[in-house]
């Protein structure tokens, strides 16, 4: 299977352009505008396919598809000490770990 088919695509409406925009997470600088979702997807895939061909021809390394990457489930985050303290106090008051509190907050913000 071609890496183009493994990449992550998103189609969304653009109020500014009055059309659908096709995006590819692995190539954030690329986009394609079209009057329908289907044409936006077809267009962004063509742009990515052409970009991949150019990158291969010039010997550039292709981005790894997000779906192929391994994620450990660990994430280090730097935050101000005052926020760290506030979250630690909240976690203690709720009798749960700081990690569980932060994961819950991230999940609820979706």
PDB file of N, CA and C in Angstrom:
ATOM      1  N   UNK A   1       0.846  -1.179   0.000  1.00  0.00           N
ATOM      2  CA  UNK A   1       0.000   0.000   0.000  1.00  0.00           C
ATOM      3  C   UNK A   1       0.892   1.244   0.000  1.00  0.00           C
ATOM      4  N   UNK A   2       0.529   2.190  -0.783  1.00  0.00           N
ATOM      5  CA  UNK A   2       1.264   3.447  -0.877  1.00  0.00           C
ATOM      6  C   UNK A   2       1.169   4.231   0.427  1.00  0.00           C
ATOM      7  N   UNK A   3       2.253   4.944   0.813  1.00  0.00           N
ATOM      8  CA  UNK A   3       2.153   5.757   2.029  1.00  0.00           C
ATOM      9  C   UNK A   3       1.069   6.830   1.905  1.00  0.00           C
ATOM     10  N   UNK A   4       0.777   7.251   0.698  1.00  0.00           N
ATOM     11  CA  UNK A   4      -0.262   8.266   0.476  1.00  0.00           C
ATOM     12  C   UNK A   4      -1.597   7.785   1.049  1.00  0.00           C
ATOM     13  N   UNK A   5      -1.879   6.505   0.936  1.00  0.00           N
ATOM     14  CA  UNK A   5      -3.132   5.941   1.446  1.00  0.00           C
ATOM     15  C   UNK A   5      -3.124   5.781   2.967  1.00  0.00           C
ATOM     16  N   UNK A   6      -1.935   5.771   3.567  1.00  0.00           N
ATOM     17  CA  UNK A   6      -1.822   5.593   5.015  1.00  0.00           C
ATOM     18  C   UNK A   6      -1.846   6.915   5.783  1.00  0.00           C
ATOM     19  N   UNK A   7      -1.682   8.017   5.075  1.00  0.00           N
ATOM     20  CA  UNK A   7      -1.644   9.314   5.750  1.00  0.00           C
ATOM     21  C   UNK A   7      -3.022   9.699   6.276  1.00  0.00           C
ATOM     22  N   UNK A   8      -3.038  10.653   7.196  1.00  0.00           N
ATOM     23  CA  UNK A   8      -4.266  11.089   7.877  1.00  0.00           C
ATOM     24  C   UNK A   8      -4.842  12.325   7.199  1.00  0.00           C
ATOM     25  N   UNK A   9      -6.046  12.185   6.679  1.00  0.00           N
ATOM     26  CA  UNK A   9      -6.701  13.281   5.962  1.00  0.00           C
ATOM     27  C   UNK A   9      -7.900  13.790   6.745  1.00  0.00           C
ATOM     28  N   UNK A  10      -8.161  15.077   6.564  1.00  0.00           N
ATOM     29  CA  UNK A  10      -9.326  15.690   7.204  1.00  0.00           C
ATOM     30  C   UNK A  10      -9.935  16.659   6.195  1.00  0.00           C
ATOM     31  N   UNK A  11     -11.251  16.636   6.118  1.00  0.00           N
ATOM     32  CA  UNK A  11     -11.987  17.553   5.253  1.00  0.00           C
ATOM     33  C   UNK A  11     -12.868  18.402   6.153  1.00  0.00           C
ATOM     34  N   UNK A  12     -12.809  19.715   5.964  1.00  0.00           N
ATOM     35  CA  UNK A  12     -13.647  20.602   6.764  1.00  0.00           C
ATOM     36  C   UNK A  12     -14.110  21.779   5.922  1.00  0.00           C
ATOM     37  N   UNK A  13     -15.178  22.391   6.352  1.00  0.00           N
ATOM     38  CA  UNK A  13     -15.721  23.544   5.662  1.00  0.00           C
ATOM     39  C   UNK A  13     -14.921  24.785   6.046  1.00  0.00           C
ATOM     40  N   UNK A  14     -14.638  25.643   5.077  1.00  0.00           N
ATOM     41  CA  UNK A  14     -13.957  26.906   5.326  1.00  0.00           C
ATOM     42  C   UNK A  14     -14.923  28.049   5.037  1.00  0.00           C
ATOM     43  N   UNK A  15     -15.381  28.744   6.085  1.00  0.00           N
ATOM     44  CA  UNK A  15     -16.241  29.917   5.893  1.00  0.00           C
ATOM     45  C   UNK A  15     -15.520  31.002   5.100  1.00  0.00           C
ATOM     46  N   UNK A  16     -14.215  31.162   5.361  1.00  0.00           N
ATOM     47  CA  UNK A  16     -13.444  32.196   4.673  1.00  0.00           C
ATOM     48  C   UNK A  16     -13.397  31.972   3.166  1.00  0.00           C
ATOM     49  N   UNK A  17     -13.275  30.708   2.757  1.00  0.00           N
ATOM     50  CA  UNK A  17     -13.148  30.394   1.336  1.00  0.00           C
ATOM     51  C   UNK A  17     -14.475  30.015   0.688  1.00  0.00           C
ATOM     52  N   UNK A  18     -15.476  29.682   1.503  1.00  0.00           N
ATOM     53  CA  UNK A  18     -16.759  29.254   0.959  1.00  0.00           C
ATOM     54  C   UNK A  18     -16.674  27.913   0.253  1.00  0.00           C
ATOM     55  N   UNK A  19     -15.713  27.093   0.663  1.00  0.00           N
ATOM     56  CA  UNK A  19     -15.519  25.769   0.066  1.00  0.00           C
ATOM     57  C   UNK A  19     -15.007  24.816   1.149  1.00  0.00           C
ATOM     58  N   UNK A  20     -14.961  23.537   0.781  1.00  0.00           N
ATOM     59  CA  UNK A  20     -14.361  22.537   1.654  1.00  0.00           C
ATOM     60  C   UNK A  20     -12.851  22.572   1.461  1.00  0.00           C
ATOM     61  N   UNK A  21     -12.129  22.371   2.555  1.00  0.00           N
ATOM     62  CA  UNK A  21     -10.675  22.318   2.474  1.00  0.00           C
ATOM     63  C   UNK A  21     -10.217  20.933   2.883  1.00  0.00           C
ATOM     64  N   UNK A  22      -9.346  20.364   2.086  1.00  0.00           N
ATOM     65  CA  UNK A  22      -8.743  19.069   2.378  1.00  0.00           C
ATOM     66  C   UNK A  22      -7.369  19.285   2.985  1.00  0.00           C
ATOM     67  N   UNK A  23      -7.082  18.576   4.067  1.00  0.00           N
ATOM     68  CA  UNK A  23      -5.810  18.712   4.783  1.00  0.00           C
ATOM     69  C   UNK A  23      -5.191  17.340   5.018  1.00  0.00           C
ATOM     70  N   UNK A  24      -3.888  17.314   5.199  1.00  0.00           N
ATOM     71  CA  UNK A  24      -3.169  16.080   5.530  1.00  0.00           C
ATOM     72  C   UNK A  24      -2.278  16.372   6.727  1.00  0.00           C
ATOM     73  N   UNK A  25      -2.491  15.660   7.825  1.00  0.00           N
ATOM     74  CA  UNK A  25      -1.761  15.928   9.076  1.00  0.00           C
ATOM     75  C   UNK A  25      -0.251  15.775   8.905  1.00  0.00           C
ATOM     76  N   UNK A  26       0.183  14.839   8.093  1.00  0.00           N
ATOM     77  CA  UNK A  26       1.615  14.604   7.910  1.00  0.00           C
ATOM     78  C   UNK A  26       2.278  15.678   7.045  1.00  0.00           C
ATOM     79  N   UNK A  27       1.471  16.429   6.308  1.00  0.00           N
ATOM     80  CA  UNK A  27       1.962  17.521   5.462  1.00  0.00           C
ATOM     81  C   UNK A  27       1.153  18.781   5.780  1.00  0.00           C
ATOM     82  N   UNK A  28       1.395  19.418   6.936  1.00  0.00           N
ATOM     83  CA  UNK A  28       0.551  20.530   7.374  1.00  0.00           C
ATOM     84  C   UNK A  28       0.584  21.763   6.472  1.00  0.00           C
ATOM     85  N   UNK A  29       1.553  21.873   5.589  1.00  0.00           N
ATOM     86  CA  UNK A  29       1.614  23.043   4.711  1.00  0.00           C
ATOM     87  C   UNK A  29       0.783  22.860   3.439  1.00  0.00           C
ATOM     88  N   UNK A  30       0.230  21.667   3.229  1.00  0.00           N
ATOM     89  CA  UNK A  30      -0.546  21.398   2.017  1.00  0.00           C
ATOM     90  C   UNK A  30      -2.042  21.480   2.300  1.00  0.00           C
ATOM     91  N   UNK A  31      -2.795  21.948   1.306  1.00  0.00           N
ATOM     92  CA  UNK A  31      -4.257  21.967   1.407  1.00  0.00           C
ATOM     93  C   UNK A  31      -4.848  21.977   0.007  1.00  0.00           C
ATOM     94  N   UNK A  32      -6.158  21.708  -0.066  1.00  0.00           N
ATOM     95  CA  UNK A  32      -6.852  21.716  -1.344  1.00  0.00           C
ATOM     96  C   UNK A  32      -8.286  22.181  -1.121  1.00  0.00           C
ATOM     97  N   UNK A  33      -8.727  23.156  -1.901  1.00  0.00           N
ATOM     98  CA  UNK A  33     -10.094  23.665  -1.802  1.00  0.00           C
ATOM     99  C   UNK A  33     -10.955  23.074  -2.909  1.00  0.00           C
ATOM    100  N   UNK A  34     -12.209  22.747  -2.568  1.00  0.00           N
ATOM    101  CA  UNK A  34     -13.137  22.199  -3.560  1.00  0.00           C
ATOM    102  C   UNK A  34     -14.566  22.452  -3.104  1.00  0.00           C
ATOM    103  N   UNK A  35     -15.489  22.327  -4.036  1.00  0.00           N
ATOM    104  CA  UNK A  35     -16.900  22.604  -3.730  1.00  0.00           C
ATOM    105  C   UNK A  35     -17.601  21.464  -3.009  1.00  0.00           C
ATOM    106  N   UNK A  36     -16.983  20.273  -2.970  1.00  0.00           N
ATOM    107  CA  UNK A  36     -17.583  19.148  -2.252  1.00  0.00           C
ATOM    108  C   UNK A  36     -16.519  18.449  -1.414  1.00  0.00           C
ATOM    109  N   UNK A  37     -16.974  17.698  -0.417  1.00  0.00           N
ATOM    110  CA  UNK A  37     -16.045  16.954   0.432  1.00  0.00           C
ATOM    111  C   UNK A  37     -15.274  15.924  -0.393  1.00  0.00           C
ATOM    112  N   UNK A  38     -15.972  15.271  -1.304  1.00  0.00           N
ATOM    113  CA  UNK A  38     -15.339  14.232  -2.116  1.00  0.00           C
ATOM    114  C   UNK A  38     -14.221  14.813  -2.975  1.00  0.00           C
ATOM    115  N   UNK A  39     -14.477  15.972  -3.586  1.00  0.00           N
ATOM    116  CA  UNK A  39     -13.455  16.597  -4.430  1.00  0.00           C
ATOM    117  C   UNK A  39     -12.293  17.141  -3.590  1.00  0.00           C
ATOM    118  N   UNK A  40     -12.584  17.605  -2.383  1.00  0.00           N
ATOM    119  CA  UNK A  40     -11.517  18.085  -1.499  1.00  0.00           C
ATOM    120  C   UNK A  40     -10.601  16.934  -1.109  1.00  0.00           C
ATOM    121  N   UNK A  41     -11.176  15.765  -0.812  1.00  0.00           N
ATOM    122  CA  UNK A  41     -10.360  14.600  -0.474  1.00  0.00           C
ATOM    123  C   UNK A  41      -9.544  14.147  -1.677  1.00  0.00           C
ATOM    124  N   UNK A  42     -10.172  14.066  -2.816  1.00  0.00           N
ATOM    125  CA  UNK A  42      -9.467  13.663  -4.036  1.00  0.00           C
ATOM    126  C   UNK A  42      -8.324  14.634  -4.333  1.00  0.00           C
ATOM    127  N   UNK A  43      -8.582  15.933  -4.164  1.00  0.00           N
ATOM    128  CA  UNK A  43      -7.571  16.952  -4.452  1.00  0.00           C
ATOM    129  C   UNK A  43      -6.385  16.900  -3.513  1.00  0.00           C
ATOM    130  N   UNK A  44      -6.639  16.793  -2.206  1.00  0.00           N
ATOM    131  CA  UNK A  44      -5.526  16.762  -1.256  1.00  0.00           C
ATOM    132  C   UNK A  44      -4.704  15.493  -1.433  1.00  0.00           C
ATOM    133  N   UNK A  45      -5.352  14.382  -1.764  1.00  0.00           N
ATOM    134  CA  UNK A  45      -4.591  13.150  -2.010  1.00  0.00           C
ATOM    135  C   UNK A  45      -3.688  13.303  -3.232  1.00  0.00           C
ATOM    136  N   UNK A  46      -4.160  13.987  -4.258  1.00  0.00           N
ATOM    137  CA  UNK A  46      -3.332  14.216  -5.449  1.00  0.00           C
ATOM    138  C   UNK A  46      -2.148  15.108  -5.117  1.00  0.00           C
ATOM    139  N   UNK A  47      -2.380  16.159  -4.348  1.00  0.00           N
ATOM    140  CA  UNK A  47      -1.288  17.054  -3.951  1.00  0.00           C
ATOM    141  C   UNK A  47      -0.255  16.281  -3.134  1.00  0.00           C
ATOM    142  N   UNK A  48      -0.712  15.448  -2.197  1.00  0.00           N
ATOM    143  CA  UNK A  48       0.205  14.647  -1.384  1.00  0.00           C
ATOM    144  C   UNK A  48       0.950  13.654  -2.270  1.00  0.00           C
ATOM    145  N   UNK A  49       0.242  12.999  -3.188  1.00  0.00           N
ATOM    146  CA  UNK A  49       0.882  12.045  -4.098  1.00  0.00           C
ATOM    147  C   UNK A  49       1.988  12.731  -4.905  1.00  0.00           C
ATOM    148  N   UNK A  50       1.703  13.925  -5.440  1.00  0.00           N
ATOM    149  CA  UNK A  50       2.702  14.673  -6.211  1.00  0.00           C
ATOM    150  C   UNK A  50       3.877  15.083  -5.333  1.00  0.00           C
ATOM    151  N   UNK A  51       3.594  15.499  -4.098  1.00  0.00           N
ATOM    152  CA  UNK A  51       4.651  15.903  -3.175  1.00  0.00           C
ATOM    153  C   UNK A  51       5.532  14.718  -2.811  1.00  0.00           C
ATOM    154  N   UNK A  52       4.920  13.562  -2.561  1.00  0.00           N
ATOM    155  CA  UNK A  52       5.684  12.351  -2.256  1.00  0.00           C
ATOM    156  C   UNK A  52       6.579  11.982  -3.440  1.00  0.00           C
ATOM    157  N   UNK A  53       6.058  12.071  -4.645  1.00  0.00           N
ATOM    158  CA  UNK A  53       6.862  11.765  -5.843  1.00  0.00           C
ATOM    159  C   UNK A  53       8.055  12.717  -5.946  1.00  0.00           C
ATOM    160  N   UNK A  54       7.830  14.003  -5.711  1.00  0.00           N
ATOM    161  CA  UNK A  54       8.926  14.978  -5.750  1.00  0.00           C
ATOM    162  C   UNK A  54       9.956  14.695  -4.667  1.00  0.00           C
ATOM    163  N   UNK A  55       9.484  14.353  -3.479  1.00  0.00           N
ATOM    164  CA  UNK A  55      10.406  14.063  -2.371  1.00  0.00           C
ATOM    165  C   UNK A  55      11.235  12.824  -2.661  1.00  0.00           C
ATOM    166  N   UNK A  56      10.610  11.812  -3.217  1.00  0.00           N
ATOM    167  CA  UNK A  56      11.353  10.588  -3.566  1.00  0.00           C
ATOM    168  C   UNK A  56      12.395  10.885  -4.633  1.00  0.00           C
ATOM    169  N   UNK A  57      12.011  11.684  -5.634  1.00  0.00           N
ATOM    170  CA  UNK A  57      12.932  12.014  -6.726  1.00  0.00           C
ATOM    171  C   UNK A  57      14.148  12.784  -6.222  1.00  0.00           C
ATOM    172  N   UNK A  58      13.963  13.588  -5.185  1.00  0.00           N
ATOM    173  CA  UNK A  58      15.088  14.375  -4.668  1.00  0.00           C
ATOM    174  C   UNK A  58      15.768  13.698  -3.468  1.00  0.00           C
ATOM    175  N   UNK A  59      15.330  12.479  -3.138  1.00  0.00           N
ATOM    176  CA  UNK A  59      15.972  11.723  -2.062  1.00  0.00           C
ATOM    177  C   UNK A  59      15.597  12.170  -0.662  1.00  0.00           C
ATOM    178  N   UNK A  60      14.512  12.935  -0.539  1.00  0.00           N
ATOM    179  CA  UNK A  60      14.073  13.380   0.783  1.00  0.00           C
ATOM    180  C   UNK A  60      13.363  12.252   1.523  1.00  0.00           C
ATOM    181  N   UNK A  61      13.431  12.331   2.827  1.00  0.00           N
ATOM    182  CA  UNK A  61      12.772  11.342   3.689  1.00  0.00           C
ATOM    183  C   UNK A  61      11.289  11.686   3.814  1.00  0.00           C
ATOM    184  N   UNK A  62      10.436  10.700   3.604  1.00  0.00           N
ATOM    185  CA  UNK A  62       8.995  10.903   3.714  1.00  0.00           C
ATOM    186  C   UNK A  62       8.561  10.877   5.179  1.00  0.00           C
ATOM    187  N   UNK A  63       7.550  11.679   5.534  1.00  0.00           N
ATOM    188  CA  UNK A  63       7.047  11.603   6.905  1.00  0.00           C
ATOM    189  C   UNK A  63       6.379  10.254   7.156  1.00  0.00           C
ATOM    190  N   UNK A  64       6.579   9.744   8.361  1.00  0.00           N
ATOM    191  CA  UNK A  64       5.943   8.480   8.740  1.00  0.00           C
ATOM    192  C   UNK A  64       4.455   8.726   8.968  1.00  0.00           C
ATOM    193  N   UNK A  65       3.588   7.857   8.446  1.00  0.00           N
ATOM    194  CA  UNK A  65       2.152   8.019   8.715  1.00  0.00           C
ATOM    195  C   UNK A  65       1.871   7.960  10.217  1.00  0.00           C
ATOM    196  N   UNK A  66       1.019   8.841  10.697  1.00  0.00           N
ATOM    197  CA  UNK A  66       0.689   8.867  12.123  1.00  0.00           C
ATOM    198  C   UNK A  66       0.167   7.520  12.604  1.00  0.00           C
ATOM    199  N   UNK A  67      -0.584   6.826  11.757  1.00  0.00           N
ATOM    200  CA  UNK A  67      -1.156   5.531  12.141  1.00  0.00           C
ATOM    201  C   UNK A  67      -0.080   4.470  12.348  1.00  0.00           C
ATOM    202  N   UNK A  68       1.109   4.668  11.780  1.00  0.00           N
ATOM    203  CA  UNK A  68       2.192   3.690  11.901  1.00  0.00           C
ATOM    204  C   UNK A  68       3.103   3.953  13.090  1.00  0.00           C
ATOM    205  N   UNK A  69       2.987   5.133  13.682  1.00  0.00           N
ATOM    206  CA  UNK A  69       3.859   5.485  14.800  1.00  0.00           C
ATOM    207  C   UNK A  69       3.436   4.752  16.064  1.00  0.00           C
ATOM    208  N   UNK A  70       4.423   4.471  16.899  1.00  0.00           N
ATOM    209  CA  UNK A  70       4.164   3.849  18.203  1.00  0.00           C
ATOM    210  C   UNK A  70       4.105   4.946  19.253  1.00  0.00           C
ATOM    211  N   UNK A  71       3.081   4.926  20.071  1.00  0.00           N
ATOM    212  CA  UNK A  71       2.931   5.895  21.151  1.00  0.00           C
ATOM    213  C   UNK A  71       3.018   5.161  22.477  1.00  0.00           C
ATOM    214  N   UNK A  72       3.882   5.642  23.364  1.00  0.00           N
ATOM    215  CA  UNK A  72       4.117   4.957  24.637  1.00  0.00           C
ATOM    216  C   UNK A  72       3.004   5.190  25.649  1.00  0.00           C
ATOM    217  N   UNK A  73       2.260   6.274  25.476  1.00  0.00           N
ATOM    218  CA  UNK A  73       1.254   6.623  26.469  1.00  0.00           C
ATOM    219  C   UNK A  73       1.810   7.538  27.549  1.00  0.00           C
ATOM    220  N   UNK A  74       3.094   7.853  27.442  1.00  0.00           N
ATOM    221  CA  UNK A  74       3.710   8.778  28.384  1.00  0.00           C
ATOM    222  C   UNK A  74       3.935  10.108  27.685  1.00  0.00           C
ATOM    223  N   UNK A  75       3.708  11.183  28.441  1.00  0.00           N
ATOM    224  CA  UNK A  75       3.856  12.521  27.892  1.00  0.00           C
ATOM    225  C   UNK A  75       4.407  13.430  28.986  1.00  0.00           C
ATOM    226  N   UNK A  76       5.524  14.055  28.727  1.00  0.00           N
ATOM    227  CA  UNK A  76       6.093  14.998  29.691  1.00  0.00           C
ATOM    228  C   UNK A  76       5.602  16.392  29.313  1.00  0.00           C
ATOM    229  N   UNK A  77       5.091  17.096  30.303  1.00  0.00           N
ATOM    230  CA  UNK A  77       4.554  18.428  30.073  1.00  0.00           C
ATOM    231  C   UNK A  77       5.168  19.382  31.089  1.00  0.00           C
ATOM    232  N   UNK A  78       5.636  20.522  30.612  1.00  0.00           N
ATOM    233  CA  UNK A  78       6.133  21.552  31.519  1.00  0.00           C
ATOM    234  C   UNK A  78       5.000  22.532  31.779  1.00  0.00           C
ATOM    235  N   UNK A  79       4.815  22.888  33.046  1.00  0.00           N
ATOM    236  CA  UNK A  79       3.777  23.840  33.401  1.00  0.00           C
ATOM    237  C   UNK A  79       4.280  24.716  34.534  1.00  0.00           C
ATOM    238  N   UNK A  80       3.688  25.873  34.702  1.00  0.00           N
ATOM    239  CA  UNK A  80       4.129  26.766  35.772  1.00  0.00           C
ATOM    240  C   UNK A  80       3.939  26.098  37.140  1.00  0.00           C
ATOM    241  N   UNK A  81       4.860  26.341  38.060  1.00  0.00           N
ATOM    242  CA  UNK A  81       4.757  25.738  39.398  1.00  0.00           C
ATOM    243  C   UNK A  81       3.430  26.037  40.097  1.00  0.00           C
ATOM    244  N   UNK A  82       2.879  27.221  39.879  1.00  0.00           N
ATOM    245  CA  UNK A  82       1.599  27.546  40.529  1.00  0.00           C
ATOM    246  C   UNK A  82       0.474  26.655  40.016  1.00  0.00           C
ATOM    247  N   UNK A  83       0.479  26.364  38.713  1.00  0.00           N
ATOM    248  CA  UNK A  83      -0.538  25.472  38.150  1.00  0.00           C
ATOM    249  C   UNK A  83      -0.322  24.052  38.650  1.00  0.00           C
ATOM    250  N   UNK A  84       0.941  23.612  38.698  1.00  0.00           N
ATOM    251  CA  UNK A  84       1.268  22.278  39.201  1.00  0.00           C
ATOM    252  C   UNK A  84       0.737  22.114  40.629  1.00  0.00           C
ATOM    253  N   UNK A  85       0.994  23.121  41.461  1.00  0.00           N
ATOM    254  CA  UNK A  85       0.529  23.090  42.850  1.00  0.00           C
ATOM    255  C   UNK A  85      -0.996  23.026  42.908  1.00  0.00           C
ATOM    256  N   UNK A  86      -1.651  23.872  42.118  1.00  0.00           N
ATOM    257  CA  UNK A  86      -3.115  23.910  42.130  1.00  0.00           C
ATOM    258  C   UNK A  86      -3.711  22.561  41.712  1.00  0.00           C
ATOM    259  N   UNK A  87      -3.143  21.949  40.679  1.00  0.00           N
ATOM    260  CA  UNK A  87      -3.631  20.644  40.230  1.00  0.00           C
ATOM    261  C   UNK A  87      -3.369  19.558  41.279  1.00  0.00           C
ATOM    262  N   UNK A  88      -2.189  19.609  41.907  1.00  0.00           N
ATOM    263  CA  UNK A  88      -1.860  18.620  42.941  1.00  0.00           C
ATOM    264  C   UNK A  88      -2.820  18.728  44.122  1.00  0.00           C
ATOM    265  N   UNK A  89      -3.158  19.951  44.501  1.00  0.00           N
ATOM    266  CA  UNK A  89      -4.108  20.147  45.596  1.00  0.00           C
ATOM    267  C   UNK A  89      -5.482  19.617  45.218  1.00  0.00           C
ATOM    268  N   UNK A  90      -5.912  19.925  43.986  1.00  0.00           N
ATOM    269  CA  UNK A  90      -7.220  19.433  43.533  1.00  0.00           C
ATOM    270  C   UNK A  90      -7.253  17.914  43.519  1.00  0.00           C
ATOM    271  N   UNK A  91      -6.187  17.286  43.028  1.00  0.00           N
ATOM    272  CA  UNK A  91      -6.127  15.822  42.982  1.00  0.00           C
ATOM    273  C   UNK A  91      -6.201  15.238  44.391  1.00  0.00           C
ATOM    274  N   UNK A  92      -5.465  15.836  45.320  1.00  0.00           N
ATOM    275  CA  UNK A  92      -5.478  15.343  46.707  1.00  0.00           C
ATOM    276  C   UNK A  92      -6.865  15.495  47.320  1.00  0.00           C
ATOM    277  N   UNK A  93      -7.508  16.625  47.061  1.00  0.00           N
ATOM    278  CA  UNK A  93      -8.851  16.852  47.610  1.00  0.00           C
ATOM    279  C   UNK A  93      -9.870  15.869  47.039  1.00  0.00           C
ATOM    280  N   UNK A  94      -9.638  15.434  45.808  1.00  0.00           N
ATOM    281  CA  UNK A  94     -10.551  14.483  45.160  1.00  0.00           C
ATOM    282  C   UNK A  94     -10.106  13.037  45.367  1.00  0.00           C
ATOM    283  N   UNK A  95      -9.039  12.840  46.151  1.00  0.00           N
ATOM    284  CA  UNK A  95      -8.518  11.519  46.478  1.00  0.00           C
ATOM    285  C   UNK A  95      -8.191  10.697  45.232  1.00  0.00           C
ATOM    286  N   UNK A  96      -7.508  11.343  44.296  1.00  0.00           N
ATOM    287  CA  UNK A  96      -7.041  10.615  43.111  1.00  0.00           C
ATOM    288  C   UNK A  96      -5.670  11.123  42.716  1.00  0.00           C
ATOM    289  N   UNK A  97      -5.013  10.382  41.854  1.00  0.00           N
ATOM    290  CA  UNK A  97      -3.659  10.758  41.462  1.00  0.00           C
ATOM    291  C   UNK A  97      -3.688  11.993  40.563  1.00  0.00           C
ATOM    292  N   UNK A  98      -2.568  12.691  40.563  1.00  0.00           N
ATOM    293  CA  UNK A  98      -2.425  13.855  39.690  1.00  0.00           C
ATOM    294  C   UNK A  98      -2.546  13.428  38.232  1.00  0.00           C
ATOM    295  N   UNK A  99      -1.959  12.302  37.903  1.00  0.00           N
ATOM    296  CA  UNK A  99      -2.045  11.788  36.537  1.00  0.00           C
ATOM    297  C   UNK A  99      -3.500  11.558  36.129  1.00  0.00           C
ATOM    298  N   UNK A 100      -4.270  10.908  36.993  1.00  0.00           N
ATOM    299  CA  UNK A 100      -5.686  10.613  36.684  1.00  0.00           C
ATOM    300  C   UNK A 100      -6.476  11.912  36.507  1.00  0.00           C
ATOM    301  N   UNK A 101      -6.210  12.894  37.354  1.00  0.00           N
ATOM    302  CA  UNK A 101      -6.896  14.186  37.252  1.00  0.00           C
ATOM    303  C   UNK A 101      -6.607  14.845  35.902  1.00  0.00           C
ATOM    304  N   UNK A 102      -5.345  14.871  35.501  1.00  0.00           N
ATOM    305  CA  UNK A 102      -4.959  15.524  34.242  1.00  0.00           C
ATOM    306  C   UNK A 102      -5.535  14.776  33.044  1.00  0.00           C
ATOM    307  N   UNK A 103      -5.481  13.446  33.058  1.00  0.00           N
ATOM    308  CA  UNK A 103      -6.054  12.659  31.959  1.00  0.00           C
ATOM    309  C   UNK A 103      -7.550  12.941  31.848  1.00  0.00           C
ATOM    310  N   UNK A 104      -8.244  12.999  32.966  1.00  0.00           N
ATOM    311  CA  UNK A 104      -9.676  13.290  32.959  1.00  0.00           C
ATOM    312  C   UNK A 104      -9.946  14.666  32.385  1.00  0.00           C
ATOM    313  N   UNK A 105      -9.160  15.664  32.790  1.00  0.00           N
ATOM    314  CA  UNK A 105      -9.340  17.024  32.279  1.00  0.00           C
ATOM    315  C   UNK A 105      -9.093  17.081  30.771  1.00  0.00           C
ATOM    316  N   UNK A 106      -8.067  16.396  30.300  1.00  0.00           N
ATOM    317  CA  UNK A 106      -7.799  16.371  28.862  1.00  0.00           C
ATOM    318  C   UNK A 106      -8.930  15.690  28.103  1.00  0.00           C
ATOM    319  N   UNK A 107      -9.405  14.586  28.641  1.00  0.00           N
ATOM    320  CA  UNK A 107     -10.500  13.854  27.982  1.00  0.00           C
ATOM    321  C   UNK A 107     -11.756  14.691  27.931  1.00  0.00           C
ATOM    322  N   UNK A 108     -12.070  15.393  29.013  1.00  0.00           N
ATOM    323  CA  UNK A 108     -13.285  16.194  29.076  1.00  0.00           C
ATOM    324  C   UNK A 108     -13.225  17.434  28.179  1.00  0.00           C
ATOM    325  N   UNK A 109     -12.023  17.861  27.800  1.00  0.00           N
ATOM    326  CA  UNK A 109     -11.890  19.062  26.976  1.00  0.00           C
ATOM    327  C   UNK A 109     -12.089  18.788  25.483  1.00  0.00           C
ATOM    328  N   UNK A 110     -12.293  17.532  25.115  1.00  0.00           N
ATOM    329  CA  UNK A 110     -12.458  17.181  23.693  1.00  0.00           C
ATOM    330  C   UNK A 110     -13.727  17.745  23.142  1.00  0.00           C
TER     331      UNK A 110
END
